[in-house]
Amino acid sequence: FAEQLDKGARQIELDPSDDPQGGLFATPLARKLLTEKGVTPP
């Protein structure tokens, strides 16, 4: 963000997802699928 604003950006976009209890997005599916393929996720 700091680099963007330093460059001159004066509009920032954020995409929020509601998670009132927490944990809804803690284990992304892409990581699970890679593990099932025998690939260690980054």
PDB file of all heavy atoms in Angstrom:
ATOM      1  N   PHE A   1       0.828  -1.206   0.000  1.00  0.00           N
ATOM      2  CA  PHE A   1       0.000   0.000   0.000  1.00  0.00           C
ATOM      3  C   PHE A   1       0.863   1.257   0.000  1.00  0.00           C
ATOM      4  O   PHE A   1       0.577   2.221  -0.716  1.00  0.00           O
ATOM      5  CB  PHE A   1      -0.907   0.028   1.233  1.00  0.00           C
ATOM      6  CG  PHE A   1      -1.985  -1.014   1.242  1.00  0.00           C
ATOM      7  CD1 PHE A   1      -2.266  -1.729   2.386  1.00  0.00           C
ATOM      8  CD2 PHE A   1      -2.739  -1.282   0.109  1.00  0.00           C
ATOM      9  CE1 PHE A   1      -3.273  -2.673   2.415  1.00  0.00           C
ATOM     10  CE2 PHE A   1      -3.745  -2.232   0.118  1.00  0.00           C
ATOM     11  CZ  PHE A   1      -4.012  -2.934   1.277  1.00  0.00           C
ATOM     12  N   ALA A   2       1.894   1.259   0.822  1.00  0.00           N
ATOM     13  CA  ALA A   2       2.750   2.447   0.924  1.00  0.00           C
ATOM     14  C   ALA A   2       3.391   2.779  -0.415  1.00  0.00           C
ATOM     15  O   ALA A   2       3.453   3.952  -0.812  1.00  0.00           O
ATOM     16  CB  ALA A   2       3.815   2.239   1.995  1.00  0.00           C
ATOM     17  N   GLU A   3       3.858   1.758  -1.140  1.00  0.00           N
ATOM     18  CA  GLU A   3       4.463   2.006  -2.451  1.00  0.00           C
ATOM     19  C   GLU A   3       3.429   2.532  -3.440  1.00  0.00           C
ATOM     20  O   GLU A   3       3.717   3.425  -4.246  1.00  0.00           O
ATOM     21  CB  GLU A   3       5.097   0.724  -2.974  1.00  0.00           C
ATOM     22  CG  GLU A   3       6.363   0.308  -2.238  1.00  0.00           C
ATOM     23  CD  GLU A   3       6.897  -1.025  -2.730  1.00  0.00           C
ATOM     24  OE1 GLU A   3       6.361  -2.066  -2.302  1.00  0.00           O
ATOM     25  OE2 GLU A   3       7.834  -1.028  -3.545  1.00  0.00           O
ATOM     26  N   GLN A   4       2.231   1.977  -3.408  1.00  0.00           N
ATOM     27  CA  GLN A   4       1.180   2.458  -4.307  1.00  0.00           C
ATOM     28  C   GLN A   4       0.840   3.916  -4.023  1.00  0.00           C
ATOM     29  O   GLN A   4       0.721   4.738  -4.934  1.00  0.00           O
ATOM     30  CB  GLN A   4      -0.077   1.599  -4.134  1.00  0.00           C
ATOM     31  CG  GLN A   4       0.076   0.157  -4.563  1.00  0.00           C
ATOM     32  CD  GLN A   4      -1.162  -0.664  -4.257  1.00  0.00           C
ATOM     33  OE1 GLN A   4      -2.272  -0.287  -4.620  1.00  0.00           O
ATOM     34  NE2 GLN A   4      -0.984  -1.789  -3.578  1.00  0.00           N
ATOM     35  N   LEU A   5       0.684   4.242  -2.758  1.00  0.00           N
ATOM     36  CA  LEU A   5       0.331   5.612  -2.382  1.00  0.00           C
ATOM     37  C   LEU A   5       1.470   6.577  -2.683  1.00  0.00           C
ATOM     38  O   LEU A   5       1.245   7.704  -3.137  1.00  0.00           O
ATOM     39  CB  LEU A   5      -0.047   5.650  -0.904  1.00  0.00           C
ATOM     40  CG  LEU A   5      -1.362   4.921  -0.564  1.00  0.00           C
ATOM     41  CD1 LEU A   5      -1.439   4.631   0.930  1.00  0.00           C
ATOM     42  CD2 LEU A   5      -2.570   5.727  -1.016  1.00  0.00           C
ATOM     43  N   ASP A   6       2.703   6.139  -2.452  1.00  0.00           N
ATOM     44  CA  ASP A   6       3.857   6.972  -2.801  1.00  0.00           C
ATOM     45  C   ASP A   6       3.907   7.244  -4.306  1.00  0.00           C
ATOM     46  O   ASP A   6       4.324   8.325  -4.740  1.00  0.00           O
ATOM     47  CB  ASP A   6       5.160   6.284  -2.373  1.00  0.00           C
ATOM     48  CG  ASP A   6       5.411   6.354  -0.872  1.00  0.00           C
ATOM     49  OD1 ASP A   6       4.782   7.183  -0.191  1.00  0.00           O
ATOM     50  OD2 ASP A   6       6.240   5.561  -0.381  1.00  0.00           O
ATOM     51  N   LYS A   7       3.480   6.272  -5.086  1.00  0.00           N
ATOM     52  CA  LYS A   7       3.487   6.410  -6.546  1.00  0.00           C
ATOM     53  C   LYS A   7       2.392   7.358  -7.029  1.00  0.00           C
ATOM     54  O   LYS A   7       2.448   7.873  -8.145  1.00  0.00           O
ATOM     55  CB  LYS A   7       3.299   5.021  -7.173  1.00  0.00           C
ATOM     56  CG  LYS A   7       3.311   4.974  -8.685  1.00  0.00           C
ATOM     57  CD  LYS A   7       4.686   5.230  -9.270  1.00  0.00           C
ATOM     58  CE  LYS A   7       4.699   4.929 -10.764  1.00  0.00           C
ATOM     59  NZ  LYS A   7       6.002   5.262 -11.380  1.00  0.00           N
ATOM     60  N   GLY A   8       1.397   7.605  -6.182  1.00  0.00           N
ATOM     61  CA  GLY A   8       0.331   8.531  -6.556  1.00  0.00           C
ATOM     62  C   GLY A   8      -1.061   7.969  -6.486  1.00  0.00           C
ATOM     63  O   GLY A   8      -2.036   8.675  -6.787  1.00  0.00           O
ATOM     64  N   ALA A   9      -1.218   6.706  -6.114  1.00  0.00           N
ATOM     65  CA  ALA A   9      -2.564   6.134  -6.000  1.00  0.00           C
ATOM     66  C   ALA A   9      -3.356   6.896  -4.947  1.00  0.00           C
ATOM     67  O   ALA A   9      -2.883   7.097  -3.829  1.00  0.00           O
ATOM     68  CB  ALA A   9      -2.482   4.657  -5.622  1.00  0.00           C
ATOM     69  N   ARG A  10      -4.559   7.310  -5.305  1.00  0.00           N
ATOM     70  CA  ARG A  10      -5.450   7.961  -4.349  1.00  0.00           C
ATOM     71  C   ARG A  10      -6.806   7.263  -4.315  1.00  0.00           C
ATOM     72  O   ARG A  10      -7.788   7.823  -3.863  1.00  0.00           O
ATOM     73  CB  ARG A  10      -5.618   9.452  -4.698  1.00  0.00           C
ATOM     74  CG  ARG A  10      -4.354  10.266  -4.470  1.00  0.00           C
ATOM     75  CD  ARG A  10      -3.919  10.279  -3.016  1.00  0.00           C
ATOM     76  NE  ARG A  10      -2.694  11.029  -2.799  1.00  0.00           N
ATOM     77  CZ  ARG A  10      -1.478  10.486  -2.781  1.00  0.00           C
ATOM     78  NH1 ARG A  10      -1.326   9.178  -2.978  1.00  0.00           N
ATOM     79  NH2 ARG A  10      -0.418  11.241  -2.575  1.00  0.00           N
ATOM     80  N   GLN A  11      -6.818   6.035  -4.770  1.00  0.00           N
ATOM     81  CA  GLN A  11      -7.973   5.163  -4.598  1.00  0.00           C
ATOM     82  C   GLN A  11      -7.444   3.768  -4.325  1.00  0.00           C
ATOM     83  O   GLN A  11      -6.590   3.260  -5.049  1.00  0.00           O
ATOM     84  CB  GLN A  11      -8.864   5.166  -5.843  1.00  0.00           C
ATOM     85  CG  GLN A  11     -10.041   4.202  -5.780  1.00  0.00           C
ATOM     86  CD  GLN A  11      -9.792   2.933  -6.577  1.00  0.00           C
ATOM     87  OE1 GLN A  11      -9.480   2.970  -7.768  1.00  0.00           O
ATOM     88  NE2 GLN A  11      -9.916   1.785  -5.929  1.00  0.00           N
ATOM     89  N   ILE A  12      -7.916   3.174  -3.242  1.00  0.00           N
ATOM     90  CA  ILE A  12      -7.509   1.843  -2.819  1.00  0.00           C
ATOM     91  C   ILE A  12      -8.748   0.969  -2.751  1.00  0.00           C
ATOM     92  O   ILE A  12      -9.799   1.409  -2.273  1.00  0.00           O
ATOM     93  CB  ILE A  12      -6.817   1.890  -1.437  1.00  0.00           C
ATOM     94  CG1 ILE A  12      -5.520   2.710  -1.506  1.00  0.00           C
ATOM     95  CG2 ILE A  12      -6.561   0.485  -0.898  1.00  0.00           C
ATOM     96  CD1 ILE A  12      -4.409   2.077  -2.317  1.00  0.00           C
ATOM     97  N   GLU A  13      -8.629  -0.262  -3.228  1.00  0.00           N
ATOM     98  CA  GLU A  13      -9.774  -1.176  -3.184  1.00  0.00           C
ATOM     99  C   GLU A  13      -9.484  -2.347  -2.253  1.00  0.00           C
ATOM    100  O   GLU A  13      -8.419  -2.970  -2.325  1.00  0.00           O
ATOM    101  CB  GLU A  13     -10.104  -1.714  -4.572  1.00  0.00           C
ATOM    102  CG  GLU A  13     -11.285  -2.678  -4.571  1.00  0.00           C
ATOM    103  CD  GLU A  13     -11.631  -3.227  -5.953  1.00  0.00           C
ATOM    104  OE1 GLU A  13     -11.049  -2.752  -6.943  1.00  0.00           O
ATOM    105  OE2 GLU A  13     -12.484  -4.136  -6.022  1.00  0.00           O
ATOM    106  N   LEU A  14     -10.447  -2.652  -1.403  1.00  0.00           N
ATOM    107  CA  LEU A  14     -10.379  -3.813  -0.516  1.00  0.00           C
ATOM    108  C   LEU A  14     -11.611  -4.685  -0.754  1.00  0.00           C
ATOM    109  O   LEU A  14     -12.716  -4.167  -0.930  1.00  0.00           O
ATOM    110  CB  LEU A  14     -10.342  -3.383   0.946  1.00  0.00           C
ATOM    111  CG  LEU A  14      -9.201  -2.459   1.382  1.00  0.00           C
ATOM    112  CD1 LEU A  14      -9.345  -2.096   2.855  1.00  0.00           C
ATOM    113  CD2 LEU A  14      -7.839  -3.096   1.122  1.00  0.00           C
ATOM    114  N   ASP A  15     -11.418  -6.003  -0.750  1.00  0.00           N
ATOM    115  CA  ASP A  15     -12.516  -6.959  -0.940  1.00  0.00           C
ATOM    116  C   ASP A  15     -12.733  -7.731   0.362  1.00  0.00           C
ATOM    117  O   ASP A  15     -12.070  -8.746   0.608  1.00  0.00           O
ATOM    118  CB  ASP A  15     -12.181  -7.938  -2.067  1.00  0.00           C
ATOM    119  CG  ASP A  15     -12.166  -7.286  -3.435  1.00  0.00           C
ATOM    120  OD1 ASP A  15     -12.461  -6.080  -3.525  1.00  0.00           O
ATOM    121  OD2 ASP A  15     -11.841  -7.980  -4.415  1.00  0.00           O
ATOM    122  N   PRO A  16     -13.648  -7.294   1.214  1.00  0.00           N
ATOM    123  CA  PRO A  16     -13.846  -7.969   2.494  1.00  0.00           C
ATOM    124  C   PRO A  16     -14.804  -9.157   2.392  1.00  0.00           C
ATOM    125  O   PRO A  16     -15.779  -9.133   1.627  1.00  0.00           O
ATOM    126  CB  PRO A  16     -14.450  -6.869   3.368  1.00  0.00           C
ATOM    127  CG  PRO A  16     -15.178  -5.989   2.410  1.00  0.00           C
ATOM    128  CD  PRO A  16     -14.421  -6.050   1.111  1.00  0.00           C
ATOM    129  N   SER A  17     -14.517 -10.190   3.170  1.00  0.00           N
ATOM    130  CA  SER A  17     -15.411 -11.330   3.331  1.00  0.00           C
ATOM    131  C   SER A  17     -15.747 -11.444   4.812  1.00  0.00           C
ATOM    132  O   SER A  17     -14.854 -11.401   5.671  1.00  0.00           O
ATOM    133  CB  SER A  17     -14.743 -12.622   2.845  1.00  0.00           C
ATOM    134  OG  SER A  17     -14.554 -12.591   1.437  1.00  0.00           O
ATOM    135  N   ASP A  18     -17.018 -11.586   5.102  1.00  0.00           N
ATOM    136  CA  ASP A  18     -17.454 -11.629   6.497  1.00  0.00           C
ATOM    137  C   ASP A  18     -17.073 -12.966   7.134  1.00  0.00           C
ATOM    138  O   ASP A  18     -17.241 -14.029   6.529  1.00  0.00           O
ATOM    139  CB  ASP A  18     -18.973 -11.427   6.561  1.00  0.00           C
ATOM    140  CG  ASP A  18     -19.455 -11.149   7.969  1.00  0.00           C
ATOM    141  OD1 ASP A  18     -18.676 -10.600   8.775  1.00  0.00           O
ATOM    142  OD2 ASP A  18     -20.630 -11.469   8.270  1.00  0.00           O
ATOM    143  N   ASP A  19     -16.569 -12.896   8.342  1.00  0.00           N
ATOM    144  CA  ASP A  19     -16.141 -14.100   9.065  1.00  0.00           C
ATOM    145  C   ASP A  19     -16.297 -13.849  10.568  1.00  0.00           C
ATOM    146  O   ASP A  19     -15.312 -13.760  11.294  1.00  0.00           O
ATOM    147  CB  ASP A  19     -14.684 -14.422   8.711  1.00  0.00           C
ATOM    148  CG  ASP A  19     -14.217 -15.765   9.256  1.00  0.00           C
ATOM    149  OD1 ASP A  19     -15.064 -16.568   9.678  1.00  0.00           O
ATOM    150  OD2 ASP A  19     -12.992 -15.996   9.272  1.00  0.00           O
ATOM    151  N   PRO A  20     -17.542 -13.710  11.038  1.00  0.00           N
ATOM    152  CA  PRO A  20     -17.766 -13.284  12.426  1.00  0.00           C
ATOM    153  C   PRO A  20     -17.250 -14.260  13.472  1.00  0.00           C
ATOM    154  O   PRO A  20     -16.879 -13.846  14.572  1.00  0.00           O
ATOM    155  CB  PRO A  20     -19.285 -13.128  12.507  1.00  0.00           C
ATOM    156  CG  PRO A  20     -19.825 -13.972  11.403  1.00  0.00           C
ATOM    157  CD  PRO A  20     -18.814 -13.899  10.316  1.00  0.00           C
ATOM    158  N   GLN A  21     -17.207 -15.545  13.143  1.00  0.00           N
ATOM    159  CA  GLN A  21     -16.732 -16.539  14.107  1.00  0.00           C
ATOM    160  C   GLN A  21     -15.238 -16.845  13.946  1.00  0.00           C
ATOM    161  O   GLN A  21     -14.597 -17.344  14.868  1.00  0.00           O
ATOM    162  CB  GLN A  21     -17.527 -17.846  13.961  1.00  0.00           C
ATOM    163  CG  GLN A  21     -19.033 -17.680  14.102  1.00  0.00           C
ATOM    164  CD  GLN A  21     -19.414 -17.068  15.423  1.00  0.00           C
ATOM    165  OE1 GLN A  21     -18.875 -17.427  16.478  1.00  0.00           O
ATOM    166  NE2 GLN A  21     -20.342 -16.110  15.387  1.00  0.00           N
ATOM    167  N   GLY A  22     -14.689 -16.561  12.782  1.00  0.00           N
ATOM    168  CA  GLY A  22     -13.299 -16.885  12.497  1.00  0.00           C
ATOM    169  C   GLY A  22     -13.155 -18.305  11.970  1.00  0.00           C
ATOM    170  O   GLY A  22     -13.973 -19.191  12.257  1.00  0.00           O
ATOM    171  N   GLY A  23     -12.130 -18.518  11.171  1.00  0.00           N
ATOM    172  CA  GLY A  23     -11.823 -19.859  10.693  1.00  0.00           C
ATOM    173  C   GLY A  23     -12.451 -20.252   9.372  1.00  0.00           C
ATOM    174  O   GLY A  23     -12.118 -21.308   8.815  1.00  0.00           O
ATOM    175  N   LEU A  24     -13.347 -19.441   8.835  1.00  0.00           N
ATOM    176  CA  LEU A  24     -14.044 -19.804   7.606  1.00  0.00           C
ATOM    177  C   LEU A  24     -13.088 -19.974   6.431  1.00  0.00           C
ATOM    178  O   LEU A  24     -13.307 -20.816   5.553  1.00  0.00           O
ATOM    179  CB  LEU A  24     -15.103 -18.740   7.287  1.00  0.00           C
ATOM    180  CG  LEU A  24     -16.051 -19.009   6.121  1.00  0.00           C
ATOM    181  CD1 LEU A  24     -16.839 -20.305   6.340  1.00  0.00           C
ATOM    182  CD2 LEU A  24     -17.008 -17.837   5.935  1.00  0.00           C
ATOM    183  N   PHE A  25     -12.010 -19.199   6.422  1.00  0.00           N
ATOM    184  CA  PHE A  25     -11.068 -19.228   5.296  1.00  0.00           C
ATOM    185  C   PHE A  25      -9.667 -19.678   5.727  1.00  0.00           C
ATOM    186  O   PHE A  25      -8.687 -19.410   5.041  1.00  0.00           O
ATOM    187  CB  PHE A  25     -10.988 -17.839   4.670  1.00  0.00           C
ATOM    188  CG  PHE A  25     -12.330 -17.248   4.343  1.00  0.00           C
ATOM    189  CD1 PHE A  25     -12.870 -16.230   5.121  1.00  0.00           C
ATOM    190  CD2 PHE A  25     -13.065 -17.721   3.268  1.00  0.00           C
ATOM    191  CE1 PHE A  25     -14.109 -15.689   4.831  1.00  0.00           C
ATOM    192  CE2 PHE A  25     -14.315 -17.189   2.970  1.00  0.00           C
ATOM    193  CZ  PHE A  25     -14.840 -16.171   3.752  1.00  0.00           C
ATOM    194  N   ALA A  26      -9.591 -20.392   6.847  1.00  0.00           N
ATOM    195  CA  ALA A  26      -8.290 -20.739   7.430  1.00  0.00           C
ATOM    196  C   ALA A  26      -7.567 -21.850   6.696  1.00  0.00           C
ATOM    197  O   ALA A  26      -6.340 -21.989   6.817  1.00  0.00           O
ATOM    198  CB  ALA A  26      -8.473 -21.124   8.898  1.00  0.00           C
ATOM    199  N   THR A  27      -8.293 -22.663   5.927  1.00  0.00           N
ATOM    200  CA  THR A  27      -7.661 -23.779   5.209  1.00  0.00           C
ATOM    201  C   THR A  27      -8.071 -23.738   3.740  1.00  0.00           C
ATOM    202  O   THR A  27      -8.986 -24.454   3.311  1.00  0.00           O
ATOM    203  CB  THR A  27      -8.069 -25.134   5.830  1.00  0.00           C
ATOM    204  OG1 THR A  27      -9.508 -25.215   5.884  1.00  0.00           O
ATOM    205  CG2 THR A  27      -7.500 -25.274   7.234  1.00  0.00           C
ATOM    206  N   PRO A  28      -7.418 -22.915   2.936  1.00  0.00           N
ATOM    207  CA  PRO A  28      -7.794 -22.774   1.522  1.00  0.00           C
ATOM    208  C   PRO A  28      -7.755 -24.102   0.768  1.00  0.00           C
ATOM    209  O   PRO A  28      -6.837 -24.915   0.942  1.00  0.00           O
ATOM    210  CB  PRO A  28      -6.745 -21.805   0.976  1.00  0.00           C
ATOM    211  CG  PRO A  28      -6.282 -21.040   2.169  1.00  0.00           C
ATOM    212  CD  PRO A  28      -6.321 -22.015   3.305  1.00  0.00           C
ATOM    213  N   LEU A  29      -8.767 -24.314  -0.059  1.00  0.00           N
ATOM    214  CA  LEU A  29      -8.896 -25.556  -0.805  1.00  0.00           C
ATOM    215  C   LEU A  29      -7.688 -25.821  -1.701  1.00  0.00           C
ATOM    216  O   LEU A  29      -7.273 -26.983  -1.860  1.00  0.00           O
ATOM    217  CB  LEU A  29     -10.177 -25.522  -1.644  1.00  0.00           C
ATOM    218  CG  LEU A  29     -10.494 -26.758  -2.478  1.00  0.00           C
ATOM    219  CD1 LEU A  29     -10.637 -27.992  -1.599  1.00  0.00           C
ATOM    220  CD2 LEU A  29     -11.757 -26.528  -3.308  1.00  0.00           C
ATOM    221  N   ALA A  30      -7.125 -24.785  -2.294  1.00  0.00           N
ATOM    222  CA  ALA A  30      -5.975 -24.978  -3.184  1.00  0.00           C
ATOM    223  C   ALA A  30      -4.835 -25.683  -2.467  1.00  0.00           C
ATOM    224  O   ALA A  30      -4.161 -26.545  -3.056  1.00  0.00           O
ATOM    225  CB  ALA A  30      -5.503 -23.633  -3.729  1.00  0.00           C
ATOM    226  N   ARG A  31      -4.621 -25.367  -1.216  1.00  0.00           N
ATOM    227  CA  ARG A  31      -3.544 -25.997  -0.461  1.00  0.00           C
ATOM    228  C   ARG A  31      -3.858 -27.480  -0.210  1.00  0.00           C
ATOM    229  O   ARG A  31      -2.982 -28.344  -0.264  1.00  0.00           O
ATOM    230  CB  ARG A  31      -3.316 -25.250   0.854  1.00  0.00           C
ATOM    231  CG  ARG A  31      -2.923 -23.791   0.648  1.00  0.00           C
ATOM    232  CD  ARG A  31      -2.737 -23.050   1.964  1.00  0.00           C
ATOM    233  NE  ARG A  31      -1.515 -23.460   2.654  1.00  0.00           N
ATOM    234  CZ  ARG A  31      -0.309 -22.985   2.379  1.00  0.00           C
ATOM    235  NH1 ARG A  31      -0.139 -22.091   1.397  1.00  0.00           N
ATOM    236  NH2 ARG A  31       0.749 -23.388   3.066  1.00  0.00           N
ATOM    237  N   LYS A  32      -5.108 -27.771   0.062  1.00  0.00           N
ATOM    238  CA  LYS A  32      -5.511 -29.164   0.270  1.00  0.00           C
ATOM    239  C   LYS A  32      -5.302 -29.976  -1.008  1.00  0.00           C
ATOM    240  O   LYS A  32      -4.794 -31.112  -0.971  1.00  0.00           O
ATOM    241  CB  LYS A  32      -6.981 -29.231   0.670  1.00  0.00           C
ATOM    242  CG  LYS A  32      -7.315 -28.621   2.016  1.00  0.00           C
ATOM    243  CD  LYS A  32      -8.810 -28.763   2.275  1.00  0.00           C
ATOM    244  CE  LYS A  32      -9.238 -28.094   3.556  1.00  0.00           C
ATOM    245  NZ  LYS A  32     -10.710 -28.201   3.776  1.00  0.00           N
ATOM    246  N   LEU A  33      -5.714 -29.418  -2.131  1.00  0.00           N
ATOM    247  CA  LEU A  33      -5.606 -30.136  -3.402  1.00  0.00           C
ATOM    248  C   LEU A  33      -4.148 -30.385  -3.781  1.00  0.00           C
ATOM    249  O   LEU A  33      -3.809 -31.451  -4.327  1.00  0.00           O
ATOM    250  CB  LEU A  33      -6.319 -29.344  -4.503  1.00  0.00           C
ATOM    251  CG  LEU A  33      -7.843 -29.217  -4.344  1.00  0.00           C
ATOM    252  CD1 LEU A  33      -8.421 -28.318  -5.435  1.00  0.00           C
ATOM    253  CD2 LEU A  33      -8.509 -30.588  -4.378  1.00  0.00           C
ATOM    254  N   LEU A  34      -3.283 -29.413  -3.504  1.00  0.00           N
ATOM    255  CA  LEU A  34      -1.862 -29.629  -3.781  1.00  0.00           C
ATOM    256  C   LEU A  34      -1.297 -30.743  -2.905  1.00  0.00           C
ATOM    257  O   LEU A  34      -0.531 -31.600  -3.374  1.00  0.00           O
ATOM    258  CB  LEU A  34      -1.083 -28.330  -3.542  1.00  0.00           C
ATOM    259  CG  LEU A  34      -1.233 -27.234  -4.599  1.00  0.00           C
ATOM    260  CD1 LEU A  34      -0.481 -25.973  -4.179  1.00  0.00           C
ATOM    261  CD2 LEU A  34      -0.723 -27.708  -5.962  1.00  0.00           C
ATOM    262  N   THR A  35      -1.678 -30.738  -1.647  1.00  0.00           N
ATOM    263  CA  THR A  35      -1.204 -31.777  -0.726  1.00  0.00           C
ATOM    264  C   THR A  35      -1.656 -33.154  -1.189  1.00  0.00           C
ATOM    265  O   THR A  35      -0.887 -34.128  -1.138  1.00  0.00           O
ATOM    266  CB  THR A  35      -1.729 -31.496   0.692  1.00  0.00           C
ATOM    267  OG1 THR A  35      -1.255 -30.209   1.116  1.00  0.00           O
ATOM    268  CG2 THR A  35      -1.240 -32.559   1.666  1.00  0.00           C
ATOM    269  N   GLU A  36      -2.900 -33.249  -1.673  1.00  0.00           N
ATOM    270  CA  GLU A  36      -3.400 -34.532  -2.174  1.00  0.00           C
ATOM    271  C   GLU A  36      -2.620 -35.004  -3.396  1.00  0.00           C
ATOM    272  O   GLU A  36      -2.529 -36.212  -3.659  1.00  0.00           O
ATOM    273  CB  GLU A  36      -4.887 -34.393  -2.529  1.00  0.00           C
ATOM    274  CG  GLU A  36      -5.786 -34.235  -1.316  1.00  0.00           C
ATOM    275  CD  GLU A  36      -7.228 -33.926  -1.694  1.00  0.00           C
ATOM    276  OE1 GLU A  36      -7.523 -33.903  -2.921  1.00  0.00           O
ATOM    277  OE2 GLU A  36      -8.051 -33.721  -0.794  1.00  0.00           O
ATOM    278  N   LYS A  37      -2.046 -34.062  -4.134  1.00  0.00           N
ATOM    279  CA  LYS A  37      -1.229 -34.400  -5.299  1.00  0.00           C
ATOM    280  C   LYS A  37       0.211 -34.718  -4.922  1.00  0.00           C
ATOM    281  O   LYS A  37       1.039 -35.024  -5.787  1.00  0.00           O
ATOM    282  CB  LYS A  37      -1.221 -33.238  -6.299  1.00  0.00           C
ATOM    283  CG  LYS A  37      -2.508 -33.059  -7.073  1.00  0.00           C
ATOM    284  CD  LYS A  37      -2.297 -31.974  -8.135  1.00  0.00           C
ATOM    285  CE  LYS A  37      -3.424 -31.960  -9.129  1.00  0.00           C
ATOM    286  NZ  LYS A  37      -3.139 -31.126 -10.310  1.00  0.00           N
ATOM    287  N   GLY A  38       0.511 -34.605  -3.637  1.00  0.00           N
ATOM    288  CA  GLY A  38       1.875 -34.840  -3.185  1.00  0.00           C
ATOM    289  C   GLY A  38       2.774 -33.636  -3.331  1.00  0.00           C
ATOM    290  O   GLY A  38       4.003 -33.745  -3.249  1.00  0.00           O
ATOM    291  N   VAL A  39       2.174 -32.457  -3.538  1.00  0.00           N
ATOM    292  CA  VAL A  39       2.932 -31.215  -3.681  1.00  0.00           C
ATOM    293  C   VAL A  39       2.805 -30.403  -2.392  1.00  0.00           C
ATOM    294  O   VAL A  39       1.691 -30.194  -1.891  1.00  0.00           O
ATOM    295  CB  VAL A  39       2.415 -30.376  -4.871  1.00  0.00           C
ATOM    296  CG1 VAL A  39       3.181 -29.060  -4.976  1.00  0.00           C
ATOM    297  CG2 VAL A  39       2.515 -31.170  -6.165  1.00  0.00           C
ATOM    298  N   THR A  40       3.920 -29.976  -1.859  1.00  0.00           N
ATOM    299  CA  THR A  40       3.895 -29.155  -0.648  1.00  0.00           C
ATOM    300  C   THR A  40       3.537 -27.717  -1.017  1.00  0.00           C
ATOM    301  O   THR A  40       4.248 -27.084  -1.801  1.00  0.00           O
ATOM    302  CB  THR A  40       5.256 -29.166   0.052  1.00  0.00           C
ATOM    303  OG1 THR A  40       5.591 -30.517   0.385  1.00  0.00           O
ATOM    304  CG2 THR A  40       5.224 -28.323   1.323  1.00  0.00           C
ATOM    305  N   PRO A  41       2.446 -27.192  -0.468  1.00  0.00           N
ATOM    306  CA  PRO A  41       2.074 -25.805  -0.788  1.00  0.00           C
ATOM    307  C   PRO A  41       3.140 -24.830  -0.317  1.00  0.00           C
ATOM    308  O   PRO A  41       3.783 -25.048   0.716  1.00  0.00           O
ATOM    309  CB  PRO A  41       0.767 -25.607  -0.010  1.00  0.00           C
ATOM    310  CG  PRO A  41       0.268 -26.977   0.286  1.00  0.00           C
ATOM    311  CD  PRO A  41       1.490 -27.829   0.443  1.00  0.00           C
ATOM    312  N   PRO A  42       3.359 -23.748  -1.046  1.00  0.00           N
ATOM    313  CA  PRO A  42       4.327 -22.731  -0.606  1.00  0.00           C
ATOM    314  C   PRO A  42       3.954 -22.179   0.772  1.00  0.00           C
ATOM    315  O   PRO A  42       2.775 -22.073   1.119  1.00  0.00           O
ATOM    316  CB  PRO A  42       4.213 -21.642  -1.682  1.00  0.00           C
ATOM    317  CG  PRO A  42       3.662 -22.349  -2.875  1.00  0.00           C
ATOM    318  CD  PRO A  42       2.754 -23.402  -2.347  1.00  0.00           C
TER     319      PRO A  42
END
